[in-house]
Amino acid sequence: MALFKKRTVGKPGEWYYCLQHQKVEEGPECPAKDRFGPYASRQEAEHAMQTAQERNLEWETDPKWHDRATPPDPEA
């Protein structure tokens, strides 16, 4: 008898984008650390990298996150 059971995360019908294999998966095939999701549809999962890139760009250009007028002094 195993002391620890391997738990799956996610359900069939949920879609993921596997970062390691660079492919779309239905349900939990790869570990959670290697995937984006879950997404409601296969099409959303197919665009996971584009969505992440767009969100990163929004964050990088969001003035709320970059409200410091001057960069910090590295010698301070």
PDB file of N, CA and C in Angstrom:
ATOM      1  N   MET A   1       0.837  -1.182   0.000  1.00  0.00           N
ATOM      2  CA  MET A   1       0.000   0.000   0.000  1.00  0.00           C
ATOM      3  C   MET A   1       0.879   1.240   0.000  1.00  0.00           C
ATOM      4  N   ALA A   2       0.584   2.150  -0.880  1.00  0.00           N
ATOM      5  CA  ALA A   2       1.359   3.381  -0.986  1.00  0.00           C
ATOM      6  C   ALA A   2       0.959   4.346   0.129  1.00  0.00           C
ATOM      7  N   LEU A   3       1.958   4.999   0.674  1.00  0.00           N
ATOM      8  CA  LEU A   3       1.680   5.983   1.714  1.00  0.00           C
ATOM      9  C   LEU A   3       1.101   7.259   1.131  1.00  0.00           C
ATOM     10  N   PHE A   4       1.571   7.622  -0.050  1.00  0.00           N
ATOM     11  CA  PHE A   4       1.112   8.842  -0.693  1.00  0.00           C
ATOM     12  C   PHE A   4       0.564   8.495  -2.056  1.00  0.00           C
ATOM     13  N   LYS A   5      -0.636   8.912  -2.320  1.00  0.00           N
ATOM     14  CA  LYS A   5      -1.227   8.695  -3.634  1.00  0.00           C
ATOM     15  C   LYS A   5      -0.891   9.862  -4.527  1.00  0.00           C
ATOM     16  N   LYS A   6      -0.595   9.562  -5.770  1.00  0.00           N
ATOM     17  CA  LYS A   6      -0.343  10.625  -6.741  1.00  0.00           C
ATOM     18  C   LYS A   6      -1.674  11.274  -7.079  1.00  0.00           C
ATOM     19  N   ARG A   7      -1.770  12.563  -6.810  1.00  0.00           N
ATOM     20  CA  ARG A   7      -3.003  13.295  -7.085  1.00  0.00           C
ATOM     21  C   ARG A   7      -2.905  13.968  -8.439  1.00  0.00           C
ATOM     22  N   THR A   8      -3.935  13.838  -9.201  1.00  0.00           N
ATOM     23  CA  THR A   8      -3.985  14.565 -10.457  1.00  0.00           C
ATOM     24  C   THR A   8      -4.675  15.893 -10.200  1.00  0.00           C
ATOM     25  N   VAL A   9      -4.284  16.880 -10.947  1.00  0.00           N
ATOM     26  CA  VAL A   9      -4.870  18.197 -10.818  1.00  0.00           C
ATOM     27  C   VAL A   9      -5.527  18.525 -12.143  1.00  0.00           C
ATOM     28  N   GLY A  10      -6.712  19.028 -12.098  1.00  0.00           N
ATOM     29  CA  GLY A  10      -7.424  19.345 -13.318  1.00  0.00           C
ATOM     30  C   GLY A  10      -8.398  18.246 -13.675  1.00  0.00           C
ATOM     31  N   LYS A  11      -9.187  18.511 -14.686  1.00  0.00           N
ATOM     32  CA  LYS A  11     -10.229  17.580 -15.096  1.00  0.00           C
ATOM     33  C   LYS A  11     -10.262  17.491 -16.607  1.00  0.00           C
ATOM     34  N   PRO A  12     -10.727  16.375 -17.136  1.00  0.00           N
ATOM     35  CA  PRO A  12     -10.947  16.335 -18.576  1.00  0.00           C
ATOM     36  C   PRO A  12     -11.909  17.449 -18.974  1.00  0.00           C
ATOM     37  N   GLY A  13     -11.666  18.057 -20.103  1.00  0.00           N
ATOM     38  CA  GLY A  13     -12.461  19.202 -20.546  1.00  0.00           C
ATOM     39  C   GLY A  13     -11.790  20.515 -20.211  1.00  0.00           C
ATOM     40  N   GLU A  14     -10.766  20.472 -19.359  1.00  0.00           N
ATOM     41  CA  GLU A  14      -9.946  21.650 -19.095  1.00  0.00           C
ATOM     42  C   GLU A  14      -8.717  21.536 -19.979  1.00  0.00           C
ATOM     43  N   TRP A  15      -8.310  22.640 -20.538  1.00  0.00           N
ATOM     44  CA  TRP A  15      -7.199  22.652 -21.476  1.00  0.00           C
ATOM     45  C   TRP A  15      -6.006  23.378 -20.882  1.00  0.00           C
ATOM     46  N   TYR A  16      -4.826  22.889 -21.185  1.00  0.00           N
ATOM     47  CA  TYR A  16      -3.573  23.439 -20.665  1.00  0.00           C
ATOM     48  C   TYR A  16      -2.575  23.607 -21.803  1.00  0.00           C
ATOM     49  N   TYR A  17      -1.606  24.487 -21.588  1.00  0.00           N
ATOM     50  CA  TYR A  17      -0.487  24.601 -22.517  1.00  0.00           C
ATOM     51  C   TYR A  17       0.748  24.144 -21.757  1.00  0.00           C
ATOM     52  N   CYS A  18       1.396  23.080 -22.235  1.00  0.00           N
ATOM     53  CA  CYS A  18       2.588  22.540 -21.596  1.00  0.00           C
ATOM     54  C   CYS A  18       3.806  23.324 -22.074  1.00  0.00           C
ATOM     55  N   LEU A  19       4.503  23.944 -21.125  1.00  0.00           N
ATOM     56  CA  LEU A  19       5.693  24.734 -21.454  1.00  0.00           C
ATOM     57  C   LEU A  19       6.862  23.845 -21.840  1.00  0.00           C
ATOM     58  N   GLN A  20       6.949  22.669 -21.257  1.00  0.00           N
ATOM     59  CA  GLN A  20       8.065  21.767 -21.551  1.00  0.00           C
ATOM     60  C   GLN A  20       7.949  21.160 -22.948  1.00  0.00           C
ATOM     61  N   HIS A  21       6.753  20.705 -23.301  1.00  0.00           N
ATOM     62  CA  HIS A  21       6.551  20.061 -24.602  1.00  0.00           C
ATOM     63  C   HIS A  21       6.042  21.018 -25.669  1.00  0.00           C
ATOM     64  N   GLN A  22       5.675  22.246 -25.257  1.00  0.00           N
ATOM     65  CA  GLN A  22       5.157  23.269 -26.154  1.00  0.00           C
ATOM     66  C   GLN A  22       3.981  22.751 -26.976  1.00  0.00           C
ATOM     67  N   LYS A  23       3.005  22.185 -26.235  1.00  0.00           N
ATOM     68  CA  LYS A  23       1.802  21.673 -26.897  1.00  0.00           C
ATOM     69  C   LYS A  23       0.606  21.820 -25.979  1.00  0.00           C
ATOM     70  N   VAL A  24      -0.572  21.741 -26.567  1.00  0.00           N
ATOM     71  CA  VAL A  24      -1.831  21.830 -25.838  1.00  0.00           C
ATOM     72  C   VAL A  24      -2.192  20.436 -25.332  1.00  0.00           C
ATOM     73  N   GLU A  25      -2.702  20.389 -24.089  1.00  0.00           N
ATOM     74  CA  GLU A  25      -3.104  19.124 -23.482  1.00  0.00           C
ATOM     75  C   GLU A  25      -4.507  19.261 -22.913  1.00  0.00           C
ATOM     76  N   GLU A  26      -5.255  18.182 -22.960  1.00  0.00           N
ATOM     77  CA  GLU A  26      -6.549  18.157 -22.284  1.00  0.00           C
ATOM     78  C   GLU A  26      -6.383  17.393 -20.989  1.00  0.00           C
ATOM     79  N   GLY A  27      -6.823  18.004 -19.901  1.00  0.00           N
ATOM     80  CA  GLY A  27      -6.671  17.356 -18.602  1.00  0.00           C
ATOM     81  C   GLY A  27      -5.233  17.437 -18.119  1.00  0.00           C
ATOM     82  N   PRO A  28      -4.956  16.831 -16.972  1.00  0.00           N
ATOM     83  CA  PRO A  28      -3.618  16.929 -16.379  1.00  0.00           C
ATOM     84  C   PRO A  28      -2.660  15.882 -16.930  1.00  0.00           C
ATOM     85  N   GLU A  29      -1.877  16.232 -17.916  1.00  0.00           N
ATOM     86  CA  GLU A  29      -0.874  15.301 -18.425  1.00  0.00           C
ATOM     87  C   GLU A  29       0.489  15.575 -17.816  1.00  0.00           C
ATOM     88  N   CYS A  30       0.903  16.819 -17.769  1.00  0.00           N
ATOM     89  CA  CYS A  30       2.213  17.195 -17.246  1.00  0.00           C
ATOM     90  C   CYS A  30       2.054  17.864 -15.881  1.00  0.00           C
ATOM     91  N   PRO A  31       3.146  17.922 -15.100  1.00  0.00           N
ATOM     92  CA  PRO A  31       3.072  18.566 -13.789  1.00  0.00           C
ATOM     93  C   PRO A  31       2.652  20.034 -13.901  1.00  0.00           C
ATOM     94  N   ALA A  32       2.003  20.519 -12.861  1.00  0.00           N
ATOM     95  CA  ALA A  32       1.496  21.886 -12.843  1.00  0.00           C
ATOM     96  C   ALA A  32       2.608  22.904 -13.043  1.00  0.00           C
ATOM     97  N   LYS A  33       3.811  22.607 -12.591  1.00  0.00           N
ATOM     98  CA  LYS A  33       4.919  23.561 -12.726  1.00  0.00           C
ATOM     99  C   LYS A  33       5.314  23.778 -14.181  1.00  0.00           C
ATOM    100  N   ASP A  34       4.888  22.888 -15.070  1.00  0.00           N
ATOM    101  CA  ASP A  34       5.273  22.966 -16.476  1.00  0.00           C
ATOM    102  C   ASP A  34       4.146  23.409 -17.392  1.00  0.00           C
ATOM    103  N   ARG A  35       3.057  23.950 -16.840  1.00  0.00           N
ATOM    104  CA  ARG A  35       1.941  24.270 -17.726  1.00  0.00           C
ATOM    105  C   ARG A  35       1.230  25.553 -17.324  1.00  0.00           C
ATOM    106  N   PHE A  36       0.569  26.161 -18.323  1.00  0.00           N
ATOM    107  CA  PHE A  36      -0.339  27.282 -18.120  1.00  0.00           C
ATOM    108  C   PHE A  36      -1.746  26.724 -18.204  1.00  0.00           C
ATOM    109  N   GLY A  37      -2.650  27.279 -17.443  1.00  0.00           N
ATOM    110  CA  GLY A  37      -4.030  26.869 -17.534  1.00  0.00           C
ATOM    111  C   GLY A  37      -4.630  26.683 -16.159  1.00  0.00           C
ATOM    112  N   PRO A  38      -5.845  26.258 -16.095  1.00  0.00           N
ATOM    113  CA  PRO A  38      -6.652  25.698 -17.177  1.00  0.00           C
ATOM    114  C   PRO A  38      -7.340  26.783 -18.006  1.00  0.00           C
ATOM    115  N   TYR A  39      -7.616  26.419 -19.237  1.00  0.00           N
ATOM    116  CA  TYR A  39      -8.357  27.267 -20.160  1.00  0.00           C
ATOM    117  C   TYR A  39      -9.678  26.577 -20.477  1.00  0.00           C
ATOM    118  N   ALA A  40     -10.671  27.348 -20.839  1.00  0.00           N
ATOM    119  CA  ALA A  40     -12.006  26.812 -21.125  1.00  0.00           C
ATOM    120  C   ALA A  40     -12.076  26.097 -22.470  1.00  0.00           C
ATOM    121  N   SER A  41     -11.167  26.439 -23.389  1.00  0.00           N
ATOM    122  CA  SER A  41     -11.221  25.817 -24.713  1.00  0.00           C
ATOM    123  C   SER A  41      -9.810  25.535 -25.222  1.00  0.00           C
ATOM    124  N   ARG A  42      -9.755  24.663 -26.196  1.00  0.00           N
ATOM    125  CA  ARG A  42      -8.480  24.335 -26.830  1.00  0.00           C
ATOM    126  C   ARG A  42      -7.875  25.577 -27.494  1.00  0.00           C
ATOM    127  N   GLN A  43      -8.714  26.411 -28.093  1.00  0.00           N
ATOM    128  CA  GLN A  43      -8.238  27.607 -28.788  1.00  0.00           C
ATOM    129  C   GLN A  43      -7.566  28.578 -27.806  1.00  0.00           C
ATOM    130  N   GLU A  44      -8.146  28.739 -26.617  1.00  0.00           N
ATOM    131  CA  GLU A  44      -7.522  29.607 -25.617  1.00  0.00           C
ATOM    132  C   GLU A  44      -6.153  29.064 -25.215  1.00  0.00           C
ATOM    133  N   ALA A  45      -6.060  27.763 -25.026  1.00  0.00           N
ATOM    134  CA  ALA A  45      -4.787  27.146 -24.641  1.00  0.00           C
ATOM    135  C   ALA A  45      -3.753  27.280 -25.757  1.00  0.00           C
ATOM    136  N   GLU A  46      -4.185  27.203 -27.009  1.00  0.00           N
ATOM    137  CA  GLU A  46      -3.262  27.351 -28.139  1.00  0.00           C
ATOM    138  C   GLU A  46      -2.620  28.731 -28.161  1.00  0.00           C
ATOM    139  N   HIS A  47      -3.323  29.726 -27.623  1.00  0.00           N
ATOM    140  CA  HIS A  47      -2.815  31.097 -27.615  1.00  0.00           C
ATOM    141  C   HIS A  47      -2.225  31.491 -26.257  1.00  0.00           C
ATOM    142  N   ALA A  48      -1.892  30.521 -25.436  1.00  0.00           N
ATOM    143  CA  ALA A  48      -1.409  30.799 -24.078  1.00  0.00           C
ATOM    144  C   ALA A  48      -0.143  31.650 -24.075  1.00  0.00           C
ATOM    145  N   MET A  49       0.798  31.351 -24.942  1.00  0.00           N
ATOM    146  CA  MET A  49       2.052  32.109 -24.956  1.00  0.00           C
ATOM    147  C   MET A  49       1.808  33.541 -25.429  1.00  0.00           C
ATOM    148  N   GLN A  50       0.940  33.728 -26.399  1.00  0.00           N
ATOM    149  CA  GLN A  50       0.602  35.072 -26.876  1.00  0.00           C
ATOM    150  C   GLN A  50      -0.101  35.851 -25.774  1.00  0.00           C
ATOM    151  N   THR A  51      -1.023  35.207 -25.069  1.00  0.00           N
ATOM    152  CA  THR A  51      -1.727  35.855 -23.966  1.00  0.00           C
ATOM    153  C   THR A  51      -0.744  36.270 -22.881  1.00  0.00           C
ATOM    154  N   ALA A  52       0.189  35.383 -22.543  1.00  0.00           N
ATOM    155  CA  ALA A  52       1.192  35.707 -21.521  1.00  0.00           C
ATOM    156  C   ALA A  52       2.065  36.874 -21.966  1.00  0.00           C
ATOM    157  N   GLN A  53       2.456  36.887 -23.226  1.00  0.00           N
ATOM    158  CA  GLN A  53       3.276  37.975 -23.746  1.00  0.00           C
ATOM    159  C   GLN A  53       2.525  39.305 -23.675  1.00  0.00           C
ATOM    160  N   GLU A  54       1.243  39.297 -24.042  1.00  0.00           N
ATOM    161  CA  GLU A  54       0.437  40.521 -23.982  1.00  0.00           C
ATOM    162  C   GLU A  54       0.282  41.005 -22.546  1.00  0.00           C
ATOM    163  N   ARG A  55       0.066  40.093 -21.617  1.00  0.00           N
ATOM    164  CA  ARG A  55      -0.080  40.473 -20.207  1.00  0.00           C
ATOM    165  C   ARG A  55       1.233  41.013 -19.650  1.00  0.00           C
ATOM    166  N   ASN A  56       2.339  40.400 -20.038  1.00  0.00           N
ATOM    167  CA  ASN A  56       3.643  40.906 -19.592  1.00  0.00           C
ATOM    168  C   ASN A  56       3.885  42.321 -20.106  1.00  0.00           C
ATOM    169  N   LEU A  57       3.542  42.562 -21.356  1.00  0.00           N
ATOM    170  CA  LEU A  57       3.714  43.894 -21.934  1.00  0.00           C
ATOM    171  C   LEU A  57       2.837  44.915 -21.213  1.00  0.00           C
ATOM    172  N   GLU A  58       1.600  44.536 -20.906  1.00  0.00           N
ATOM    173  CA  GLU A  58       0.714  45.435 -20.153  1.00  0.00           C
ATOM    174  C   GLU A  58       1.327  45.772 -18.801  1.00  0.00           C
ATOM    175  N   TRP A  59       1.868  44.772 -18.132  1.00  0.00           N
ATOM    176  CA  TRP A  59       2.462  45.002 -16.820  1.00  0.00           C
ATOM    177  C   TRP A  59       3.693  45.895 -16.937  1.00  0.00           C
ATOM    178  N   GLU A  60       4.537  45.627 -17.915  1.00  0.00           N
ATOM    179  CA  GLU A  60       5.766  46.404 -18.080  1.00  0.00           C
ATOM    180  C   GLU A  60       5.496  47.867 -18.419  1.00  0.00           C
ATOM    181  N   THR A  61       4.368  48.147 -19.052  1.00  0.00           N
ATOM    182  CA  THR A  61       4.064  49.518 -19.443  1.00  0.00           C
ATOM    183  C   THR A  61       3.005  50.166 -18.549  1.00  0.00           C
ATOM    184  N   ASP A  62       2.582  49.485 -17.496  1.00  0.00           N
ATOM    185  CA  ASP A  62       1.569  50.017 -16.581  1.00  0.00           C
ATOM    186  C   ASP A  62       2.200  51.073 -15.676  1.00  0.00           C
ATOM    187  N   PRO A  63       1.740  52.316 -15.749  1.00  0.00           N
ATOM    188  CA  PRO A  63       2.353  53.372 -14.942  1.00  0.00           C
ATOM    189  C   PRO A  63       2.177  53.165 -13.439  1.00  0.00           C
ATOM    190  N   LYS A  64       1.181  52.393 -13.027  1.00  0.00           N
ATOM    191  CA  LYS A  64       0.997  52.132 -11.595  1.00  0.00           C
ATOM    192  C   LYS A  64       2.164  51.335 -11.019  1.00  0.00           C
ATOM    193  N   TRP A  65       2.817  50.531 -11.843  1.00  0.00           N
ATOM    194  CA  TRP A  65       3.930  49.716 -11.372  1.00  0.00           C
ATOM    195  C   TRP A  65       5.263  50.414 -11.535  1.00  0.00           C
ATOM    196  N   HIS A  66       5.281  51.497 -12.277  1.00  0.00           N
ATOM    197  CA  HIS A  66       6.530  52.211 -12.541  1.00  0.00           C
ATOM    198  C   HIS A  66       6.358  53.684 -12.177  1.00  0.00           C
ATOM    199  N   ASP A  67       5.956  53.927 -10.953  1.00  0.00           N
ATOM    200  CA  ASP A  67       5.683  55.304 -10.559  1.00  0.00           C
ATOM    201  C   ASP A  67       6.899  56.019  -9.978  1.00  0.00           C
ATOM    202  N   ARG A  68       8.018  55.344  -9.872  1.00  0.00           N
ATOM    203  CA  ARG A  68       9.230  55.980  -9.353  1.00  0.00           C
ATOM    204  C   ARG A  68       9.803  56.907 -10.419  1.00  0.00           C
ATOM    205  N   ALA A  69      10.083  58.137 -10.054  1.00  0.00           N
ATOM    206  CA  ALA A  69      10.570  59.133 -11.017  1.00  0.00           C
ATOM    207  C   ALA A  69      12.000  58.841 -11.459  1.00  0.00           C
ATOM    208  N   THR A  70      12.833  58.413 -10.525  1.00  0.00           N
ATOM    209  CA  THR A  70      14.229  58.124 -10.869  1.00  0.00           C
ATOM    210  C   THR A  70      14.565  56.714 -10.414  1.00  0.00           C
ATOM    211  N   PRO A  71      15.481  56.059 -11.090  1.00  0.00           N
ATOM    212  CA  PRO A  71      15.855  54.725 -10.676  1.00  0.00           C
ATOM    213  C   PRO A  71      16.569  54.760  -9.318  1.00  0.00           C
ATOM    214  N   PRO A  72      16.487  53.694  -8.550  1.00  0.00           N
ATOM    215  CA  PRO A  72      17.152  53.680  -7.255  1.00  0.00           C
ATOM    216  C   PRO A  72      18.675  53.769  -7.410  1.00  0.00           C
ATOM    217  N   ASP A  73      19.316  54.389  -6.438  1.00  0.00           N
ATOM    218  CA  ASP A  73      20.766  54.529  -6.455  1.00  0.00           C
ATOM    219  C   ASP A  73      21.397  53.221  -6.011  1.00  0.00           C
ATOM    220  N   PRO A  74      22.171  52.532  -6.874  1.00  0.00           N
ATOM    221  CA  PRO A  74      22.751  51.240  -6.510  1.00  0.00           C
ATOM    222  C   PRO A  74      23.786  51.350  -5.394  1.00  0.00           C
ATOM    223  N   GLU A  75      24.333  52.537  -5.159  1.00  0.00           N
ATOM    224  CA  GLU A  75      25.342  52.696  -4.124  1.00  0.00           C
ATOM    225  C   GLU A  75      24.736  53.114  -2.786  1.00  0.00           C
ATOM    226  N   ALA A  76      23.451  53.347  -2.753  1.00  0.00           N
ATOM    227  CA  ALA A  76      22.803  53.807  -1.521  1.00  0.00           C
ATOM    228  C   ALA A  76      22.536  52.659  -0.582  1.00  0.00           C
TER     229      ALA A  76
END
